Protein backbone atom coordinates (compact mmCIF):
# COMPACT_ATOMS: atom_id res chain seq x y z
CA UNK A 1 2.08 -16.67 39.55
CA UNK A 2 -0.31 -19.27 37.82
CA UNK A 3 -1.33 -16.68 35.30
CA UNK A 4 2.22 -15.83 34.53
CA UNK A 5 3.17 -19.56 34.26
CA UNK A 6 0.10 -20.12 31.83
CA UNK A 7 1.24 -17.16 29.66
CA UNK A 8 4.79 -18.66 29.49
CA UNK A 9 3.63 -22.14 28.79
CA UNK A 10 1.33 -20.53 26.08
CA UNK A 11 4.11 -18.58 24.43
CA UNK A 12 6.46 -21.52 24.47
CA UNK A 13 3.69 -23.61 22.67
CA UNK A 14 3.25 -20.81 20.23
CA UNK A 15 7.07 -20.69 19.42
CA UNK A 16 7.14 -24.49 19.30
CA UNK A 17 4.31 -24.45 16.74
CA UNK A 18 5.67 -21.62 14.50
CA UNK A 19 9.35 -21.36 15.22
CA UNK A 20 10.90 -17.87 16.27
CA UNK A 21 11.64 -17.13 12.48
CA UNK A 22 7.86 -17.69 11.67
CA UNK A 23 6.74 -15.39 14.60
CA UNK A 24 9.12 -12.64 13.34
CA UNK A 25 7.57 -13.23 9.70
CA UNK A 26 4.03 -12.98 11.17
CA UNK A 27 4.74 -9.81 13.11
CA UNK A 28 6.63 -8.28 10.20
CA UNK A 29 3.57 -9.18 7.83
CA UNK A 30 0.98 -7.86 10.31
CA UNK A 31 2.92 -4.59 10.78
CA UNK A 32 3.38 -3.98 7.02
CA UNK A 33 -0.33 -4.58 6.21
CA UNK A 34 -1.11 -1.95 9.01
CA UNK A 35 1.26 0.56 7.55
CA UNK A 36 -0.03 0.02 3.97
CA UNK A 37 -3.42 0.45 5.13
CA UNK A 38 -2.56 3.42 7.17
CA UNK A 39 -3.79 1.86 10.42
CA UNK A 40 -0.40 3.02 11.59
CA UNK A 41 0.07 6.60 10.54
CA UNK A 42 3.31 8.50 9.51
CA UNK A 43 5.59 9.34 12.65
CA UNK A 44 3.41 7.12 14.73
CA UNK A 45 5.65 5.54 17.61
CA UNK A 46 5.99 1.70 17.73
CA UNK A 47 6.47 0.45 21.11
CA UNK A 48 7.94 -3.15 21.34
CA UNK A 49 6.07 -4.10 24.41
CA UNK A 50 2.57 -2.77 23.00
CA UNK A 51 2.96 -4.80 19.81
CA UNK A 52 4.06 -7.86 21.42
CA UNK A 53 1.06 -7.74 23.71
CA UNK A 54 -1.36 -7.12 21.00
CA UNK A 55 0.05 -9.74 18.78
CA UNK A 56 0.46 -12.13 21.54
CA UNK A 57 4.21 -12.76 20.94
CA UNK A 58 7.39 -12.08 22.80
CA UNK A 59 9.37 -8.93 22.27
CA UNK A 60 12.18 -10.80 20.36
CA UNK A 61 10.05 -11.49 17.11
CA UNK A 62 8.72 -7.84 17.23
CA UNK A 63 12.39 -6.59 17.30
CA UNK A 64 13.30 -8.57 14.35
CA UNK A 65 10.29 -7.50 12.42
CA UNK A 66 11.06 -3.67 13.23
CA UNK A 67 14.69 -4.15 12.02
CA UNK A 68 13.46 -5.78 8.72
CA UNK A 69 10.88 -2.99 8.32
CA UNK A 70 13.64 -0.41 8.97
CA UNK A 71 15.91 -1.91 6.41
CA UNK A 72 13.04 -1.55 3.87
CA UNK A 73 12.51 2.09 4.73
CA UNK A 74 8.92 1.65 6.31
CA UNK A 75 10.06 2.44 9.93
CA UNK A 76 12.97 4.39 11.48
CA UNK A 77 14.86 4.42 14.77
CA UNK A 78 14.25 7.94 16.32
CA UNK A 79 15.87 8.33 19.76
CA UNK A 80 14.66 8.64 22.43
CA UNK A 81 11.27 7.76 21.00
CA UNK A 82 12.43 4.24 19.51
CA UNK A 83 11.08 3.14 16.19
CA UNK A 84 8.32 5.24 14.29
CA UNK A 85 6.59 5.00 11.04
CA UNK A 86 8.64 6.82 8.28
CA UNK A 87 7.34 10.21 7.35
CA UNK A 88 8.19 11.00 3.63
CA UNK A 89 9.48 14.39 2.60
CA UNK A 90 7.82 16.23 -0.18
CA UNK A 91 10.78 15.38 -2.44
CA UNK A 92 10.37 11.70 -1.76
CA UNK A 93 6.66 11.96 -2.31
CA UNK A 94 7.29 13.50 -5.81
CA UNK A 95 9.85 10.84 -6.53
CA UNK A 96 7.38 8.16 -5.40
CA UNK A 97 4.61 9.58 -7.90
CA UNK A 98 7.07 9.90 -10.79
CA UNK A 99 8.02 6.15 -10.53
CA UNK A 100 4.28 5.16 -9.81
CA UNK A 101 3.43 6.73 -13.22
CA UNK A 102 6.04 4.61 -15.03
CA UNK A 103 5.08 1.35 -13.19
CA UNK A 104 1.24 1.77 -13.23
CA UNK A 105 1.49 2.56 -16.94
CA UNK A 106 3.66 -0.56 -17.78
CA UNK A 107 1.43 -2.86 -15.42
CA UNK A 108 -1.58 -1.69 -17.38
CA UNK A 109 0.04 -2.07 -20.87
CA UNK A 110 1.24 -5.53 -19.91
CA UNK A 111 -2.07 -6.61 -18.28
CA UNK A 112 -3.79 -5.62 -21.73
CA UNK A 113 -1.43 -7.89 -23.48
CA UNK A 114 -1.45 -10.80 -20.98
CA UNK A 115 -4.76 -10.67 -18.57
CA UNK A 116 -6.82 -13.79 -18.73
CA UNK A 117 -10.73 -13.52 -18.92
CA UNK A 118 -10.73 -14.59 -15.17
CA UNK A 119 -8.47 -11.66 -14.26
CA UNK A 120 -10.40 -9.11 -16.36
CA UNK A 121 -13.51 -10.31 -14.52
CA UNK A 122 -11.85 -9.76 -11.25
CA UNK A 123 -11.08 -6.18 -12.34
CA UNK A 124 -14.59 -5.57 -13.26
CA UNK A 125 -15.83 -6.70 -10.16
CA UNK A 126 -13.69 -4.38 -8.29
CA UNK A 127 -15.02 -1.57 -10.50
CA UNK A 128 -18.53 -2.57 -9.47
CA UNK A 129 -17.50 -2.32 -5.77
CA UNK A 130 -16.02 1.02 -6.32
CA UNK A 131 -19.10 2.35 -8.01
CA UNK A 132 -21.05 1.54 -4.47
CA UNK A 133 -18.16 2.62 -2.18
CA UNK A 134 -18.77 5.99 -0.40
CA UNK A 135 -15.99 6.86 1.94
CA UNK A 136 -12.47 7.83 0.88
CA UNK A 137 -10.76 5.15 3.01
CA UNK A 138 -13.24 2.35 1.35
CA UNK A 139 -12.51 3.74 -2.18
CA UNK A 140 -8.76 3.96 -1.48
CA UNK A 141 -8.51 0.22 -0.32
CA UNK A 142 -10.50 -0.77 -3.43
CA UNK A 143 -8.40 1.23 -5.75
CA UNK A 144 -5.40 -0.49 -4.10
CA UNK A 145 -6.85 -3.76 -4.71
CA UNK A 146 -7.77 -3.01 -8.21
CA UNK A 147 -4.19 -2.00 -9.17
CA UNK A 148 -3.00 -4.95 -7.33
CA UNK A 149 -4.91 -7.01 -9.66
CA UNK A 150 -3.65 -5.35 -12.75
CA UNK A 151 -0.11 -5.74 -11.64
CA UNK A 152 -0.49 -9.67 -11.08
CA UNK A 153 -2.31 -9.67 -14.51
CA UNK A 154 0.78 -8.23 -15.95
CA UNK A 155 2.45 -11.51 -15.29
CA UNK A 156 5.89 -9.95 -14.88
CA UNK A 157 7.81 -11.14 -11.71
CA UNK A 158 10.13 -7.92 -11.65
CA UNK A 159 7.23 -5.45 -12.08
CA UNK A 160 5.51 -7.28 -9.23
CA UNK A 161 8.22 -7.01 -6.96
CA UNK A 162 9.00 -3.42 -7.74
CA UNK A 163 5.38 -2.43 -7.46
CA UNK A 164 5.03 -4.00 -3.93
CA UNK A 165 7.87 -1.49 -2.88
CA UNK A 166 5.81 1.32 -4.14
CA UNK A 167 2.65 -0.05 -2.60
CA UNK A 168 4.53 0.02 0.71
CA UNK A 169 5.59 3.62 0.22
CA UNK A 170 2.08 4.63 -0.63
CA UNK A 171 1.10 3.55 2.73
CA UNK A 172 3.30 6.06 4.35
CA UNK A 173 1.59 9.04 2.78
CA UNK A 174 -1.21 9.40 5.34
CA UNK A 175 -4.48 10.82 4.17
CA UNK A 176 -5.58 9.52 0.80
CA UNK A 177 -6.20 11.82 -2.24
CA UNK A 178 -9.68 10.22 -2.50
CA UNK A 179 -10.58 12.82 0.52
CA UNK A 180 -10.32 15.69 -1.89
CA UNK A 181 -13.61 17.01 -3.33
CA UNK A 182 -14.64 15.18 -6.55
CA UNK A 183 -11.94 12.72 -6.49
CA UNK A 184 -14.12 9.61 -5.81
CA UNK A 185 -16.07 10.45 -8.94
CA UNK A 186 -13.09 11.35 -11.19
CA UNK A 187 -10.97 8.28 -9.79
CA UNK A 188 -13.72 5.99 -10.68
CA UNK A 189 -14.06 7.20 -14.20
CA UNK A 190 -10.19 6.90 -14.84
CA UNK A 191 -10.31 3.51 -13.37
CA UNK A 192 -13.12 2.31 -15.68
CA UNK A 193 -11.32 3.69 -18.61
CA UNK A 194 -8.05 1.36 -17.68
CA UNK A 195 -10.19 -1.54 -17.04
CA UNK A 196 -12.17 -1.06 -20.39
CA UNK A 197 -9.00 -0.90 -22.24
CA UNK A 198 -7.52 -3.83 -20.61
CA UNK A 199 -10.61 -5.77 -21.51
CA UNK A 200 -10.38 -5.00 -25.14
CA UNK A 201 -6.61 -5.67 -25.13
CA UNK A 202 -5.73 -2.06 -26.03
CA UNK A 203 -2.25 -1.86 -24.56
CA UNK A 204 -1.50 1.77 -25.72
CA UNK A 205 -4.87 3.03 -24.43
CA UNK A 206 -4.45 1.17 -21.12
CA UNK A 207 -0.99 2.63 -20.55
CA UNK A 208 -2.17 5.96 -21.45
CA UNK A 209 -5.39 5.88 -19.28
CA UNK A 210 -3.29 4.35 -16.34
CA UNK A 211 -0.64 7.27 -16.62
CA UNK A 212 -3.48 9.90 -16.67
CA UNK A 213 -4.96 8.25 -13.35
CA UNK A 214 -1.59 8.76 -11.71
CA UNK A 215 -0.96 12.14 -13.22
CA UNK A 216 -4.30 13.30 -11.65
CA UNK A 217 -3.57 11.80 -8.12
CA UNK A 218 -0.13 13.57 -8.37
CA UNK A 219 -1.62 16.87 -8.80
CA UNK A 220 -4.12 16.42 -5.92
CA UNK A 221 -1.22 15.33 -3.87
CA UNK A 222 0.72 18.44 -4.68
CA UNK A 223 -2.25 20.50 -3.63
CA UNK A 224 -2.36 18.49 -0.30
CA UNK A 225 1.39 19.16 0.19
CA UNK A 226 1.69 22.82 -0.96
CA UNK A 227 -1.70 24.42 -1.72
CA UNK A 228 -3.35 25.20 -5.00
CA UNK A 229 -0.86 27.61 -6.50
CA UNK A 230 2.24 25.47 -6.13
CA UNK A 231 0.26 22.44 -7.20
CA UNK A 232 -0.68 23.96 -10.77
CA UNK A 233 2.97 24.98 -11.22
CA UNK A 234 4.29 21.48 -10.37
CA UNK A 235 1.68 19.44 -12.31
């Protein structure tokens, strides 16, 4: 009884400190990041009680966070299981990569025109980390970080907001294309070229290099979805 009372007091204190809305925002941000980083995989069940216990909150902010993620297309309600992480269809994956090619190219172009010396240095530092990275998940996380820096360096509010939607969707894809043989090496080469173009303020070159990077990833994703024969036809 004392333990339950203490737990209730602790939760009340937390709610008082942060407010119910802030707790829902906290849960939302945490779950969103876990989906982005693939800690929560496609079609994985999201139990309110388990999440509440893990994040030390009541079920109310969890429920609010799940509804917000549902509205953004990251989770869906699937009776009788409850909420699950969305699993994209092959058509949605191809639509995602088509938009990604456009946005990543635009981000690289704008970054080549707008990036500061500090932003370029940040990109180069991530490239150095990519050169030392060994595992597909580590490389994928650094690749994501590099392109987040490029998007920020583009200094375009609308591009930034749209890119965030795509980053959320990419987290729904499951296994990274960096798990494919040779992709770590080829991806590094492509990213080096993007950053080199941005560093010398070559907007045309940066856009072209960025689009080539996404085109290569698209072909690999097609292979993962459909096999080599269909991938060649769709590339």
